[in-house]
Amino acid sequence: MQFRNDINGLRAIAVIAVVLFHFNPKWLPGGFIGVDVFFVISGFLMTGIIMRGIEKDSFSILKFYYARAKRIIPALAVVCFIIIVFGWFYLTSFDFAPLLQHVISSVVFLSNIVYWGESGYFDAASSEKWLLHTWSLSA
């Protein structure tokens, strides 16, 4: 598949909307819709990859997930490492413990389950979850 500027532009708009919403929800009250737009784009692109593999009779679910892991895990590991180091130096042990739990749940792709048990996505308590965005990577 060739690179598509239109899809990349939609992706940029979606990310900007979410970032603006997180900085100040009053700036763009519906900015969280960017997450939905991003999911639709990702689903479209992943479906294309799968369909092309099926058409060529070369699709492998293991190769598909391996390619995703190669792209996602290095960035996730760097972010988690930086957050642990920062938390170690700047948080109390009371605040560091849940952060460590969130890092572990993110690395094993189960953060959505952990966050679901703690609070709602838009609850005030969720604004203090540094890795809340990793729920979308989880099982």
Foldseek 3Di string as FASTA:
>chain_A
DDDDPVLVVLLVQLVVLCVVCLVPCVVPVPSPCSVVSVVVSVVVVLVVVQVVCVVVVNDDPVVSVVVVCVVPLVVLVVVLVVVLVCCVPPPDPVVNVVLVVCSVCLNQQNNLVVVVVPDDCPDPVNSPRPVPVSNVVHD
